[in-house]
C-alpha atoms as a PDB file:
ATOM      1  CA  MET A   1       0.000   0.000   0.000  1.00  0.00           C
ATOM      2  CA  SER A   2       1.399   3.348  -1.040  1.00  0.00           C
ATOM      3  CA  LEU A   3       1.092   6.456   1.126  1.00  0.00           C
ATOM      4  CA  ASN A   4       1.121   8.763  -1.813  1.00  0.00           C
ATOM      5  CA  HIS A   5      -2.249   8.819  -3.355  1.00  0.00           C
ATOM      6  CA  PRO A   6      -2.150  10.222  -6.861  1.00  0.00           C
ATOM      7  CA  SER A   7      -5.336  12.327  -6.428  1.00  0.00           C
ATOM      8  CA  THR A   8      -4.211  14.131  -3.249  1.00  0.00           C
ATOM      9  CA  ARG A   9      -1.719  16.908  -3.745  1.00  0.00           C
ATOM     10  CA  VAL A  10      -0.774  19.834  -1.538  1.00  0.00           C
ATOM     11  CA  VAL A  11       0.106  22.915  -3.530  1.00  0.00           C
ATOM     12  CA  CYS A  12       1.934  25.807  -1.856  1.00  0.00           C
ATOM     13  CA  PRO A  13       1.964  29.100  -3.707  1.00  0.00           C
ATOM     14  CA  ARG A  14       5.343  30.189  -4.921  1.00  0.00           C
ATOM     15  CA  GLY A  15       6.833  33.134  -6.625  1.00  0.00           C
ATOM     16  CA  PRO A  16       4.542  36.060  -7.651  1.00  0.00           C
ATOM     17  CA  GLU A  17       1.413  34.432  -6.206  1.00  0.00           C
ATOM     18  CA  VAL A  18       2.775  34.781  -2.633  1.00  0.00           C
ATOM     19  CA  GLY A  19       3.239  38.562  -3.049  1.00  0.00           C
ATOM     20  CA  ARG A  20      -0.249  38.973  -4.509  1.00  0.00           C
ATOM     21  CA  LEU A  21      -1.827  37.155  -1.536  1.00  0.00           C
ATOM     22  CA  ARG A  22       0.017  39.406   0.902  1.00  0.00           C
ATOM     23  CA  ARG A  23      -1.077  42.546  -1.016  1.00  0.00           C
ATOM     24  CA  ASP A  24      -4.714  41.391  -0.976  1.00  0.00           C
ATOM     25  CA  ALA A  25      -4.550  40.833   2.783  1.00  0.00           C
ATOM     26  CA  GLY A  26      -3.148  44.356   3.289  1.00  0.00           C
ATOM     27  CA  LEU A  27      -5.870  45.953   1.208  1.00  0.00           C
ATOM     28  CA  THR A  28      -8.499  44.205   3.262  1.00  0.00           C
ATOM     29  CA  LEU A  29      -7.057  45.644   6.481  1.00  0.00           C
ATOM     30  CA  LEU A  30      -6.883  49.120   4.895  1.00  0.00           C
ATOM     31  CA  GLU A  31     -10.490  48.812   3.737  1.00  0.00           C
ATOM     32  CA  VAL A  32     -11.577  47.860   7.260  1.00  0.00           C
ATOM     33  CA  MET A  33      -9.756  50.880   8.707  1.00  0.00           C
ATOM     34  CA  ILE A  34     -11.343  53.239   6.148  1.00  0.00           C
ATOM     35  CA  ALA A  35     -14.768  51.781   6.877  1.00  0.00           C
ATOM     36  CA  PHE A  36     -14.174  52.262  10.614  1.00  0.00           C
ATOM     37  CA  VAL A  37     -13.211  55.927  10.097  1.00  0.00           C
ATOM     38  CA  ILE A  38     -16.284  56.539   7.928  1.00  0.00           C
ATOM     39  CA  LEU A  39     -18.500  54.852  10.529  1.00  0.00           C
ATOM     40  CA  ALA A  40     -16.939  56.929  13.336  1.00  0.00           C
ATOM     41  CA  LEU A  41     -17.446  60.187  11.392  1.00  0.00           C
ATOM     42  CA  SER A  42     -21.041  59.232  10.602  1.00  0.00           C
ATOM     43  CA  THR A  43     -21.717  58.468  14.267  1.00  0.00           C
ATOM     44  CA  VAL A  44     -20.229  61.785  15.419  1.00  0.00           C
ATOM     45  CA  THR A  45     -22.294  63.658  12.806  1.00  0.00           C
ATOM     46  CA  ALA A  46     -25.485  61.844  13.823  1.00  0.00           C
ATOM     47  CA  LEU A  47     -24.846  62.591  17.498  1.00  0.00           C
ATOM     48  CA  GLY A  48     -24.245  66.253  16.679  1.00  0.00           C
ATOM     49  CA  LEU A  49     -27.518  66.426  14.782  1.00  0.00           C
ATOM     50  CA  MET A  50     -29.364  64.788  17.673  1.00  0.00           C
ATOM     51  CA  VAL A  51     -27.898  67.225  20.218  1.00  0.00           C
ATOM     52  CA  GLY A  52     -28.691  70.169  17.927  1.00  0.00           C
ATOM     53  CA  SER A  53     -32.245  68.931  17.503  1.00  0.00           C
ATOM     54  CA  MET A  54     -32.697  68.602  21.278  1.00  0.00           C
ATOM     55  CA  CYS A  55     -31.367  72.155  21.804  1.00  0.00           C
ATOM     56  CA  LEU A  56     -33.704  73.474  19.109  1.00  0.00           C
ATOM     57  CA  ASP A  57     -36.640  71.675  20.744  1.00  0.00           C
ATOM     58  CA  ALA A  58     -35.748  73.236  24.115  1.00  0.00           C
ATOM     59  CA  THR A  59     -35.395  76.685  22.528  1.00  0.00           C
ATOM     60  CA  ASN A  60     -38.755  76.370  20.764  1.00  0.00           C
ATOM     61  CA  ARG A  61     -40.421  75.204  23.980  1.00  0.00           C
ATOM     62  CA  GLU A  62     -38.973  78.155  25.930  1.00  0.00           C
ATOM     63  CA  THR A  63     -40.013  80.632  23.217  1.00  0.00           C
ATOM     64  CA  SER A  64     -43.551  79.233  23.257  1.00  0.00           C
ATOM     65  CA  GLN A  65     -43.693  79.628  27.037  1.00  0.00           C
ATOM     66  CA  ALA A  66     -42.432  83.223  26.779  1.00  0.00           C
ATOM     67  CA  MET A  67     -44.963  84.073  24.049  1.00  0.00           C
ATOM     68  CA  ALA A  68     -47.833  82.590  26.060  1.00  0.00           C
ATOM     69  CA  ALA A  69     -46.734  84.457  29.201  1.00  0.00           C
ATOM     70  CA  ALA A  70     -46.438  87.810  27.388  1.00  0.00           C
ATOM     71  CA  ARG A  71     -49.804  87.302  25.712  1.00  0.00           C
ATOM     72  CA  GLY A  72     -51.315  86.391  29.100  1.00  0.00           C
ATOM     73  CA  VAL A  73     -49.999  89.598  30.670  1.00  0.00           C
ATOM     74  CA  VAL A  74     -51.392  91.768  27.858  1.00  0.00           C
ATOM     75  CA  GLU A  75     -54.742  89.953  28.033  1.00  0.00           C
ATOM     76  CA  GLY A  76     -54.752  90.453  31.817  1.00  0.00           C
ATOM     77  CA  MET A  77     -54.244  94.172  31.297  1.00  0.00           C
ATOM     78  CA  GLN A  78     -57.064  94.316  28.776  1.00  0.00           C
ATOM     79  CA  GLY A  79     -59.340  92.658  31.347  1.00  0.00           C
ATOM     80  CA  GLN A  80     -58.889  95.575  33.771  1.00  0.00           C
ATOM     81  CA  GLU A  81     -60.755  98.868  33.829  1.00  0.00           C
ATOM     82  CA  PHE A  82     -58.836 100.928  31.290  1.00  0.00           C
ATOM     83  CA  PRO A  83     -58.149 104.010  33.490  1.00  0.00           C
ATOM     84  CA  GLN A  84     -56.565 101.740  36.133  1.00  0.00           C
ATOM     85  CA  ILE A  85     -54.193  99.717  33.916  1.00  0.00           C
ATOM     86  CA  PHE A  86     -51.228 102.055  34.320  1.00  0.00           C
ATOM     87  CA  ALA A  87     -51.615 102.254  38.110  1.00  0.00           C
ATOM     88  CA  LEU A  88     -52.017  98.460  38.432  1.00  0.00           C
ATOM     89  CA  TYR A  89     -49.025  97.471  36.280  1.00  0.00           C
ATOM     90  CA  ASN A  90     -46.430 100.197  36.838  1.00  0.00           C
ATOM     91  CA  ALA A  91     -43.388  99.864  39.111  1.00  0.00           C
ATOM     92  CA  THR A  92     -44.706 101.914  42.028  1.00  0.00           C
ATOM     93  CA  THR A  93     -47.364 101.151  44.644  1.00  0.00           C
ATOM     94  CA  ILE A  94     -48.031 104.821  45.434  1.00  0.00           C
ATOM     95  CA  ASP A  95     -50.812 105.130  42.843  1.00  0.00           C
ATOM     96  CA  ASP A  96     -52.400 101.676  43.336  1.00  0.00           C
ATOM     97  CA  PRO A  97     -56.211 101.776  43.467  1.00  0.00           C
ATOM     98  CA  VAL A  98     -57.639 101.434  46.996  1.00  0.00           C
ATOM     99  CA  GLY A  99     -58.749  97.912  47.892  1.00  0.00           C
ATOM    100  CA  VAL A 100     -57.092  96.295  44.863  1.00  0.00           C
ATOM    101  CA  VAL A 101     -53.974  94.138  44.913  1.00  0.00           C
ATOM    102  CA  ALA A 102     -51.915  95.437  42.002  1.00  0.00           C
ATOM    103  CA  PRO A 103     -49.930  92.858  40.016  1.00  0.00           C
ATOM    104  CA  GLY A 104     -47.050  95.321  39.551  1.00  0.00           C
ATOM    105  CA  ASN A 105     -44.546  95.492  36.736  1.00  0.00           C
ATOM    106  CA  VAL A 106     -42.646  92.206  37.233  1.00  0.00           C
ATOM    107  CA  PHE A 107     -43.752  88.593  36.960  1.00  0.00           C
ATOM    108  CA  SER A 108     -42.432  85.059  36.919  1.00  0.00           C
ATOM    109  CA  VAL A 109     -43.059  82.320  34.361  1.00  0.00           C
ATOM    110  CA  GLY A 110     -43.005  78.684  35.410  1.00  0.00           C
ATOM    111  CA  GLY A 111     -40.276  76.809  33.593  1.00  0.00           C
ATOM    112  CA  LEU A 112     -38.260  79.880  32.585  1.00  0.00           C
ATOM    113  CA  GLY A 113     -36.977  81.290  35.856  1.00  0.00           C
ATOM    114  CA  SER A 114     -34.738  79.669  38.443  1.00  0.00           C
ATOM    115  CA  GLN A 115     -34.897  79.414  42.221  1.00  0.00           C
ATOM    116  CA  GLN A 116     -32.262  82.135  42.457  1.00  0.00           C
ATOM    117  CA  ASN A 117     -34.068  84.380  39.946  1.00  0.00           C
ATOM    118  CA  PRO A 118     -37.750  83.472  39.447  1.00  0.00           C
ATOM    119  CA  ILE A 119     -38.649  86.933  38.038  1.00  0.00           C
ATOM    120  CA  VAL A 120     -38.188  86.884  34.256  1.00  0.00           C
ATOM    121  CA  GLY A 121     -40.808  89.382  33.050  1.00  0.00           C
ATOM    122  CA  THR A 122     -40.987  93.170  33.188  1.00  0.00           C
ATOM    123  CA  ILE A 123     -43.739  95.537  32.052  1.00  0.00           C
ATOM    124  CA  ARG A 124     -42.544  98.915  30.757  1.00  0.00           C
ATOM    125  CA  PHE A 125     -44.452 102.109  30.082  1.00  0.00           C
ATOM    126  CA  PRO A 126     -43.097 105.476  28.824  1.00  0.00           C
ATOM    127  CA  VAL A 127     -42.439 106.926  32.273  1.00  0.00           C
ATOM    128  CA  THR A 128     -40.045 109.271  34.003  1.00  0.00           C
ATOM    129  CA  PRO A 129     -38.056 108.209  37.093  1.00  0.00           C
ATOM    130  CA  SER A 130     -40.904 109.655  39.178  1.00  0.00           C
ATOM    131  CA  PHE A 131     -43.420 107.363  37.371  1.00  0.00           C
ATOM    132  CA  GLU A 132     -45.110 110.056  35.315  1.00  0.00           C
ATOM    133  CA  LEU A 133     -46.688 108.720  32.094  1.00  0.00           C
ATOM    134  CA  ARG A 134     -45.270 111.010  29.428  1.00  0.00           C
ATOM    135  CA  GLU A 135     -46.162 111.720  25.810  1.00  0.00           C
ATOM    136  CA  ASP A 136     -42.760 113.234  25.037  1.00  0.00           C
ATOM    137  CA  ALA A 137     -40.776 110.153  26.085  1.00  0.00           C
ATOM    138  CA  TYR A 138     -38.428 108.925  23.371  1.00  0.00           C
ATOM    139  CA  MET A 139     -39.244 105.215  22.941  1.00  0.00           C
ATOM    140  CA  PRO A 140     -39.319 104.493  19.194  1.00  0.00           C
ATOM    141  CA  GLU A 141     -39.984 100.799  19.865  1.00  0.00           C
ATOM    142  CA  LEU A 142     -43.363 101.896  21.278  1.00  0.00           C
ATOM    143  CA  GLY A 143     -43.983 104.657  18.740  1.00  0.00           C
ATOM    144  CA  LEU A 144     -43.193 107.513  21.127  1.00  0.00           C
ATOM    145  CA  PRO A 145     -43.346 110.428  21.335  1.00  0.00           C
ATOM    146  CA  MET A 146     -47.135 110.064  20.930  1.00  0.00           C
ATOM    147  CA  ASP A 147     -50.329 111.868  21.896  1.00  0.00           C
ATOM    148  CA  LEU A 148     -51.643 109.694  24.750  1.00  0.00           C
ATOM    149  CA  ASN A 149     -54.751 111.667  25.752  1.00  0.00           C
ATOM    150  CA  GLY A 150     -56.085 112.466  22.282  1.00  0.00           C
ATOM    151  CA  ASP A 151     -55.910 116.266  22.535  1.00  0.00           C
ATOM    152  CA  GLY A 152     -53.749 116.568  19.402  1.00  0.00           C
ATOM    153  CA  VAL A 153     -50.729 117.900  21.327  1.00  0.00           C
ATOM    154  CA  ILE A 154     -47.608 116.063  22.499  1.00  0.00           C
ATOM    155  CA  ASP A 155     -46.658 117.789  25.749  1.00  0.00           C
ATOM    156  CA  GLU A 156     -44.445 117.316  28.816  1.00  0.00           C
ATOM    157  CA  LEU A 157     -47.290 116.679  31.293  1.00  0.00           C
ATOM    158  CA  ASN A 158     -48.096 113.606  33.352  1.00  0.00           C
ATOM    159  CA  HIS A 159     -50.906 111.679  31.607  1.00  0.00           C
ATOM    160  CA  SER A 160     -51.266 108.828  34.081  1.00  0.00           C
ATOM    161  CA  HIS A 161     -54.882 109.863  34.779  1.00  0.00           C
ATOM    162  CA  ASP A 162     -56.153 110.972  31.363  1.00  0.00           C
ATOM    163  CA  TYR A 163     -54.609 108.639  28.752  1.00  0.00           C
ATOM    164  CA  THR A 164     -56.861 107.157  26.051  1.00  0.00           C
ATOM    165  CA  VAL A 165     -54.091 105.056  24.489  1.00  0.00           C
ATOM    166  CA  LEU A 166     -51.447 103.245  26.496  1.00  0.00           C
ATOM    167  CA  PRO A 167     -48.256 101.921  24.913  1.00  0.00           C
ATOM    168  CA  VAL A 168     -46.749  98.995  26.807  1.00  0.00           C
ATOM    169  CA  MET A 169     -43.778  96.688  26.380  1.00  0.00           C
ATOM    170  CA  VAL A 170     -43.695  93.235  27.988  1.00  0.00           C
ATOM    171  CA  GLU A 171     -40.119  91.934  28.178  1.00  0.00           C
ATOM    172  CA  LEU A 172     -38.898  88.524  29.294  1.00  0.00           C
ATOM    173  CA  GLN A 173     -35.265  87.667  30.004  1.00  0.00           C
ATOM    174  CA  TRP A 174     -34.087  84.275  31.243  1.00  0.00           C
ATOM    175  CA  VAL A 175     -31.227  81.811  31.108  1.00  0.00           C
ATOM    176  CA  GLY A 176     -32.370  78.986  28.873  1.00  0.00           C
ATOM    177  CA  LYS A 177     -30.927  75.630  27.868  1.00  0.00           C
ATOM    178  CA  THR A 178     -28.859  77.333  25.173  1.00  0.00           C
ATOM    179  CA  GLY A 179     -27.826  80.446  27.127  1.00  0.00           C
ATOM    180  CA  ASP A 180     -29.248  83.923  27.734  1.00  0.00           C
ATOM    181  CA  ARG A 181     -32.599  84.451  26.031  1.00  0.00           C
ATOM    182  CA  GLU A 182     -35.036  87.334  25.680  1.00  0.00           C
ATOM    183  CA  PHE A 183     -38.435  87.952  24.175  1.00  0.00           C
ATOM    184  CA  SER A 184     -40.587  91.077  24.020  1.00  0.00           C
ATOM    185  CA  VAL A 185     -44.045  92.142  22.939  1.00  0.00           C
ATOM    186  CA  HIS A 186     -45.100  95.716  22.167  1.00  0.00           C
ATOM    187  CA  ALA A 187     -48.771  96.609  22.463  1.00  0.00           C
ATOM    188  CA  LEU A 188     -50.908  99.701  22.189  1.00  0.00           C
ATOM    189  CA  LEU A 189     -53.904  99.421  24.489  1.00  0.00           C
ATOM    190  CA  MET A 190     -56.885 101.631  23.704  1.00  0.00           C
ATOM    191  CA  GLU A 191     -59.894 102.686  25.671  1.00  0.00           C
ATOM    192  CA  GLN A 192     -63.097 101.195  24.269  1.00  0.00           C
ATOM    193  CA  GLY A 193     -64.841 103.728  22.071  1.00  0.00           C
ATOM    194  CA  SER A 194     -61.616 105.615  21.244  1.00  0.00           C
END
């Protein structure tokens, strides 16, 4: 019995075939490394997009809260007796109507303030440091100077008791998820029938 069977032969590559096999193995490793780099870059890009999307969602949510709060303040003002709006929402308590708790000129908004600083909203009128409502105030964002009592004259008098139009600015400032944020609404309130 012969150990060498004529149909069984082991062939070892020789010459140029050995070099080609080694080159093919190297290309495969290079291809794997390139694929890994592309996958890593794709993952980083996808994560960046996800983080950006979450920040945009937070910003949109905060802006919606600020808009709703500002609208609520203006609607609250419109629900008051018109001649009392200025006294109820200005920064002083000296002119507050008797027997009424005045909301004042600052307010908080749930979800926008912090424990250290819950006040994020301010209501501004065209006033002097002594809280006089003035027609001659320079506030272009509110359209001033402006005739507030309807007499056809823009003067330097205090119109806190005879205004028929009332310009107001509701401002909100807070520290949001993406940093310092602000939002403002300008309104011109008018006495019914004016």
